Amino acid sequence: MSKPNRKRYKLEAVRSSYAEAVGGEAVEFEVGDGKVFSFPHPMFASDEEQHALDDAEGDHGKARVLLGDQYEAFGKAGGDDNSVMLLYVAVRAEAQDTVQRHRPTRG
């Protein structure tokens, strides 16, 4: 039996609500002549992706983890590891600000 005034959330609705608030579950960015790449939004990276990122050394290692199969094409398009990490840090900071203001839906 449900208790009066007790909140119950649906995890799918909460995730969807936050994804909408931060602009999606992936971060897309453009390099050089307009080639588009992406990496998982820091809020939505899987446990495996987070562990790999934590274990990676330096900007080079972390950029490789974030971009995965896109890494070689990213380099050929003129992208650099440090810029990817600056973007990642900026997205994380922006997401923290958004999360503090956002109230998830119960679904």
N, C-alpha and C. Protein backbone atom coordinates (compact mmCIF):
# COMPACT_ATOMS: atom_id res chain seq x y z
N MET A 1 0.84 -1.18 0.00
CA MET A 1 0.00 0.00 0.00
C MET A 1 0.89 1.24 0.00
N SER A 2 0.51 2.22 -0.76
CA SER A 2 1.26 3.46 -0.88
C SER A 2 0.98 4.37 0.30
N LYS A 3 2.01 5.02 0.80
CA LYS A 3 1.85 5.96 1.91
C LYS A 3 1.53 7.34 1.37
N PRO A 4 0.62 8.06 2.01
CA PRO A 4 0.29 9.42 1.55
C PRO A 4 1.52 10.34 1.61
N ASN A 5 1.63 11.21 0.60
CA ASN A 5 2.70 12.22 0.53
C ASN A 5 4.10 11.63 0.38
N ARG A 6 4.20 10.37 0.10
CA ARG A 6 5.52 9.76 -0.09
C ARG A 6 5.90 9.84 -1.56
N LYS A 7 7.10 10.31 -1.83
CA LYS A 7 7.55 10.44 -3.20
C LYS A 7 8.03 9.10 -3.73
N ARG A 8 7.69 8.82 -4.95
CA ARG A 8 8.21 7.65 -5.63
C ARG A 8 8.65 8.10 -7.02
N TYR A 9 9.88 7.80 -7.36
CA TYR A 9 10.43 8.20 -8.64
C TYR A 9 10.58 6.98 -9.54
N LYS A 10 10.44 7.20 -10.83
CA LYS A 10 10.77 6.19 -11.83
C LYS A 10 12.15 6.56 -12.36
N LEU A 11 13.08 5.65 -12.24
CA LEU A 11 14.46 5.96 -12.62
C LEU A 11 14.58 6.39 -14.07
N GLU A 12 13.81 5.78 -14.96
CA GLU A 12 13.87 6.16 -16.37
C GLU A 12 13.43 7.62 -16.55
N ALA A 13 12.41 8.04 -15.79
CA ALA A 13 11.92 9.41 -15.89
C ALA A 13 12.94 10.40 -15.33
N VAL A 14 13.59 10.01 -14.25
CA VAL A 14 14.62 10.88 -13.65
C VAL A 14 15.77 11.05 -14.62
N ARG A 15 16.24 9.95 -15.18
CA ARG A 15 17.35 10.00 -16.13
C ARG A 15 17.00 10.87 -17.34
N SER A 16 15.81 10.66 -17.86
CA SER A 16 15.35 11.43 -19.01
C SER A 16 15.25 12.92 -18.68
N SER A 17 14.77 13.23 -17.49
CA SER A 17 14.64 14.61 -17.05
C SER A 17 16.01 15.30 -16.97
N TYR A 18 17.00 14.60 -16.41
CA TYR A 18 18.34 15.18 -16.33
C TYR A 18 19.00 15.26 -17.70
N ALA A 19 18.77 14.26 -18.54
CA ALA A 19 19.34 14.30 -19.89
C ALA A 19 18.81 15.52 -20.64
N GLU A 20 17.53 15.78 -20.50
CA GLU A 20 16.95 16.96 -21.15
C GLU A 20 17.54 18.25 -20.57
N ALA A 21 17.73 18.28 -19.27
CA ALA A 21 18.25 19.49 -18.61
C ALA A 21 19.68 19.83 -19.04
N VAL A 22 20.50 18.80 -19.28
CA VAL A 22 21.90 19.06 -19.65
C VAL A 22 22.15 18.98 -21.15
N GLY A 23 21.11 18.73 -21.93
CA GLY A 23 21.26 18.73 -23.38
C GLY A 23 21.50 17.39 -24.02
N GLY A 24 21.30 16.32 -23.29
CA GLY A 24 21.43 14.98 -23.87
C GLY A 24 22.45 14.13 -23.16
N GLU A 25 22.47 12.87 -23.53
CA GLU A 25 23.38 11.91 -22.89
C GLU A 25 24.75 11.85 -23.56
N ALA A 26 24.91 12.61 -24.64
CA ALA A 26 26.20 12.68 -25.33
C ALA A 26 26.55 14.14 -25.56
N VAL A 27 27.83 14.40 -25.60
CA VAL A 27 28.34 15.74 -25.89
C VAL A 27 28.88 15.73 -27.31
N GLU A 28 28.30 16.55 -28.17
CA GLU A 28 28.78 16.66 -29.54
C GLU A 28 29.61 17.92 -29.68
N PHE A 29 30.67 17.83 -30.49
CA PHE A 29 31.52 18.99 -30.73
C PHE A 29 32.09 18.91 -32.12
N GLU A 30 32.50 20.06 -32.61
CA GLU A 30 32.98 20.20 -33.97
C GLU A 30 34.48 20.49 -33.97
N VAL A 31 35.17 19.94 -34.96
CA VAL A 31 36.61 20.16 -35.10
C VAL A 31 36.91 20.60 -36.52
N GLY A 32 37.87 21.50 -36.62
CA GLY A 32 38.39 21.90 -37.93
C GLY A 32 37.34 22.31 -38.92
N ASP A 33 37.22 21.54 -40.00
CA ASP A 33 36.34 21.90 -41.11
C ASP A 33 34.88 21.46 -40.89
N GLY A 34 34.50 21.26 -39.65
CA GLY A 34 33.11 20.94 -39.35
C GLY A 34 32.83 19.48 -39.05
N LYS A 35 33.87 18.67 -38.93
CA LYS A 35 33.64 17.27 -38.58
C LYS A 35 33.13 17.20 -37.14
N VAL A 36 32.10 16.39 -36.92
CA VAL A 36 31.45 16.30 -35.61
C VAL A 36 31.85 15.01 -34.91
N PHE A 37 32.19 15.15 -33.66
CA PHE A 37 32.56 14.01 -32.81
C PHE A 37 31.72 14.09 -31.54
N SER A 38 31.77 13.02 -30.76
CA SER A 38 31.00 13.02 -29.51
C SER A 38 31.65 12.12 -28.48
N PHE A 39 31.28 12.37 -27.24
CA PHE A 39 31.65 11.48 -26.15
C PHE A 39 30.49 11.45 -25.16
N PRO A 40 30.43 10.42 -24.31
CA PRO A 40 29.33 10.34 -23.35
C PRO A 40 29.35 11.54 -22.40
N HIS A 41 28.19 12.10 -22.14
CA HIS A 41 28.11 13.19 -21.17
C HIS A 41 28.62 12.64 -19.84
N PRO A 42 29.41 13.42 -19.09
CA PRO A 42 29.96 12.93 -17.82
C PRO A 42 28.90 12.38 -16.85
N MET A 43 27.70 12.93 -16.90
CA MET A 43 26.65 12.43 -16.02
C MET A 43 26.11 11.07 -16.45
N PHE A 44 26.33 10.70 -17.70
CA PHE A 44 25.72 9.50 -18.23
C PHE A 44 26.72 8.44 -18.68
N ALA A 45 27.98 8.64 -18.39
CA ALA A 45 28.99 7.63 -18.74
C ALA A 45 28.73 6.38 -17.90
N SER A 46 28.91 5.24 -18.52
CA SER A 46 28.72 3.97 -17.80
C SER A 46 29.80 3.80 -16.74
N ASP A 47 29.57 2.88 -15.82
CA ASP A 47 30.58 2.58 -14.80
C ASP A 47 31.89 2.17 -15.46
N GLU A 48 31.79 1.37 -16.51
CA GLU A 48 32.98 0.90 -17.22
C GLU A 48 33.75 2.09 -17.82
N GLU A 49 33.01 3.01 -18.44
CA GLU A 49 33.65 4.19 -19.03
C GLU A 49 34.29 5.07 -17.95
N GLN A 50 33.62 5.23 -16.84
CA GLN A 50 34.17 6.02 -15.74
C GLN A 50 35.45 5.41 -15.19
N HIS A 51 35.45 4.09 -15.01
CA HIS A 51 36.65 3.42 -14.50
C HIS A 51 37.81 3.55 -15.49
N ALA A 52 37.51 3.38 -16.77
CA ALA A 52 38.56 3.50 -17.79
C ALA A 52 39.11 4.92 -17.80
N LEU A 53 38.24 5.90 -17.66
CA LEU A 53 38.69 7.30 -17.64
C LEU A 53 39.54 7.58 -16.40
N ASP A 54 39.12 7.07 -15.26
CA ASP A 54 39.88 7.24 -14.02
C ASP A 54 41.26 6.60 -14.11
N ASP A 55 41.34 5.46 -14.80
CA ASP A 55 42.60 4.72 -14.91
C ASP A 55 43.53 5.28 -15.99
N ALA A 56 42.99 6.03 -16.92
CA ALA A 56 43.78 6.56 -18.04
C ALA A 56 44.77 7.61 -17.53
N GLU A 57 45.92 7.66 -18.18
CA GLU A 57 46.95 8.62 -17.78
C GLU A 57 47.01 9.80 -18.73
N GLY A 58 46.97 10.98 -18.18
CA GLY A 58 47.14 12.21 -18.95
C GLY A 58 46.00 12.49 -19.92
N ASP A 59 46.09 13.63 -20.56
CA ASP A 59 45.06 14.04 -21.52
C ASP A 59 44.96 13.06 -22.69
N HIS A 60 46.10 12.56 -23.13
CA HIS A 60 46.11 11.63 -24.26
C HIS A 60 45.29 10.38 -23.94
N GLY A 61 45.58 9.77 -22.82
CA GLY A 61 44.87 8.55 -22.42
C GLY A 61 43.39 8.79 -22.20
N LYS A 62 43.06 9.89 -21.54
CA LYS A 62 41.66 10.21 -21.26
C LYS A 62 40.89 10.54 -22.54
N ALA A 63 41.51 11.27 -23.46
CA ALA A 63 40.86 11.60 -24.73
C ALA A 63 40.59 10.32 -25.53
N ARG A 64 41.54 9.39 -25.51
CA ARG A 64 41.34 8.10 -26.20
C ARG A 64 40.15 7.35 -25.61
N VAL A 65 40.02 7.36 -24.29
CA VAL A 65 38.89 6.69 -23.65
C VAL A 65 37.59 7.37 -24.04
N LEU A 66 37.55 8.69 -23.96
CA LEU A 66 36.32 9.43 -24.26
C LEU A 66 35.87 9.24 -25.70
N LEU A 67 36.81 9.28 -26.64
CA LEU A 67 36.46 9.23 -28.05
C LEU A 67 36.39 7.83 -28.62
N GLY A 68 37.03 6.87 -27.98
CA GLY A 68 36.96 5.49 -28.44
C GLY A 68 37.36 5.35 -29.90
N ASP A 69 36.48 4.73 -30.69
CA ASP A 69 36.76 4.46 -32.11
C ASP A 69 36.90 5.73 -32.95
N GLN A 70 36.47 6.85 -32.43
CA GLN A 70 36.55 8.12 -33.17
C GLN A 70 37.92 8.78 -33.05
N TYR A 71 38.77 8.26 -32.16
CA TYR A 71 40.00 8.96 -31.82
C TYR A 71 40.90 9.25 -33.02
N GLU A 72 41.14 8.25 -33.87
CA GLU A 72 42.04 8.44 -35.01
C GLU A 72 41.49 9.50 -35.97
N ALA A 73 40.20 9.43 -36.27
CA ALA A 73 39.59 10.42 -37.16
C ALA A 73 39.63 11.81 -36.54
N PHE A 74 39.49 11.87 -35.24
CA PHE A 74 39.56 13.14 -34.52
C PHE A 74 40.94 13.78 -34.71
N GLY A 75 41.99 13.00 -34.56
CA GLY A 75 43.35 13.50 -34.75
C GLY A 75 43.59 13.96 -36.18
N LYS A 76 43.10 13.19 -37.15
CA LYS A 76 43.26 13.54 -38.56
C LYS A 76 42.50 14.83 -38.91
N ALA A 77 41.43 15.10 -38.16
CA ALA A 77 40.64 16.32 -38.41
C ALA A 77 41.25 17.54 -37.74
N GLY A 78 42.37 17.35 -37.04
CA GLY A 78 43.04 18.47 -36.40
C GLY A 78 42.74 18.64 -34.93
N GLY A 79 42.06 17.67 -34.35
CA GLY A 79 41.73 17.75 -32.93
C GLY A 79 42.93 17.44 -32.06
N ASP A 80 42.93 17.97 -30.84
CA ASP A 80 44.02 17.68 -29.91
C ASP A 80 43.45 17.25 -28.56
N ASP A 81 44.21 16.43 -27.87
CA ASP A 81 43.79 15.83 -26.61
C ASP A 81 43.43 16.86 -25.55
N ASN A 82 44.25 17.88 -25.42
CA ASN A 82 44.02 18.89 -24.38
C ASN A 82 42.68 19.60 -24.57
N SER A 83 42.33 19.89 -25.80
CA SER A 83 41.06 20.57 -26.07
C SER A 83 39.87 19.70 -25.68
N VAL A 84 39.97 18.39 -25.95
CA VAL A 84 38.89 17.48 -25.55
C VAL A 84 38.74 17.50 -24.03
N MET A 85 39.85 17.51 -23.32
CA MET A 85 39.77 17.49 -21.86
C MET A 85 39.26 18.82 -21.31
N LEU A 86 39.61 19.93 -21.95
CA LEU A 86 39.05 21.22 -21.54
C LEU A 86 37.54 21.23 -21.72
N LEU A 87 37.07 20.68 -22.84
CA LEU A 87 35.64 20.59 -23.08
C LEU A 87 34.98 19.69 -22.03
N TYR A 88 35.60 18.56 -21.74
CA TYR A 88 35.05 17.63 -20.75
C TYR A 88 34.91 18.31 -19.38
N VAL A 89 35.93 19.02 -18.96
CA VAL A 89 35.90 19.74 -17.67
C VAL A 89 34.80 20.80 -17.69
N ALA A 90 34.68 21.54 -18.78
CA ALA A 90 33.65 22.58 -18.90
C ALA A 90 32.25 21.98 -18.83
N VAL A 91 32.05 20.86 -19.51
CA VAL A 91 30.74 20.20 -19.50
C VAL A 91 30.40 19.69 -18.10
N ARG A 92 31.39 19.13 -17.41
CA ARG A 92 31.16 18.66 -16.03
C ARG A 92 30.76 19.81 -15.12
N ALA A 93 31.47 20.93 -15.23
CA ALA A 93 31.17 22.09 -14.38
C ALA A 93 29.77 22.63 -14.68
N GLU A 94 29.44 22.73 -15.95
CA GLU A 94 28.12 23.21 -16.34
C GLU A 94 27.03 22.27 -15.83
N ALA A 95 27.28 20.97 -15.92
CA ALA A 95 26.31 19.98 -15.45
C ALA A 95 26.10 20.08 -13.94
N GLN A 96 27.17 20.32 -13.20
CA GLN A 96 27.02 20.47 -11.74
C GLN A 96 26.14 21.65 -11.41
N ASP A 97 26.30 22.76 -12.12
CA ASP A 97 25.44 23.92 -11.90
C ASP A 97 23.99 23.60 -12.24
N THR A 98 23.79 22.92 -13.36
CA THR A 98 22.44 22.56 -13.80
C THR A 98 21.77 21.62 -12.81
N VAL A 99 22.51 20.63 -12.34
CA VAL A 99 21.96 19.64 -11.41
C VAL A 99 21.50 20.30 -10.11
N GLN A 100 22.23 21.29 -9.66
CA GLN A 100 21.86 21.97 -8.42
C GLN A 100 20.53 22.71 -8.55
N ARG A 101 20.20 23.16 -9.75
CA ARG A 101 18.96 23.91 -9.97
C ARG A 101 17.79 23.04 -10.44
N HIS A 102 18.08 21.86 -10.97
CA HIS A 102 17.07 21.01 -11.60
C HIS A 102 16.35 20.14 -10.57
N ARG A 103 15.07 19.98 -10.77
CA ARG A 103 14.26 19.07 -9.97
C ARG A 103 13.71 18.00 -10.89
N PRO A 104 14.05 16.74 -10.65
CA PRO A 104 13.61 15.67 -11.56
C PRO A 104 12.11 15.42 -11.45
N THR A 105 11.57 14.92 -12.54
CA THR A 105 10.16 14.53 -12.53
C THR A 105 10.03 13.16 -11.89
N ARG A 106 8.86 12.89 -11.36
CA ARG A 106 8.61 11.59 -10.74
C ARG A 106 8.17 10.56 -11.76
N GLY A 107 7.71 11.03 -12.90
CA GLY A 107 7.35 10.11 -13.97
C GLY A 107 6.03 9.48 -13.87
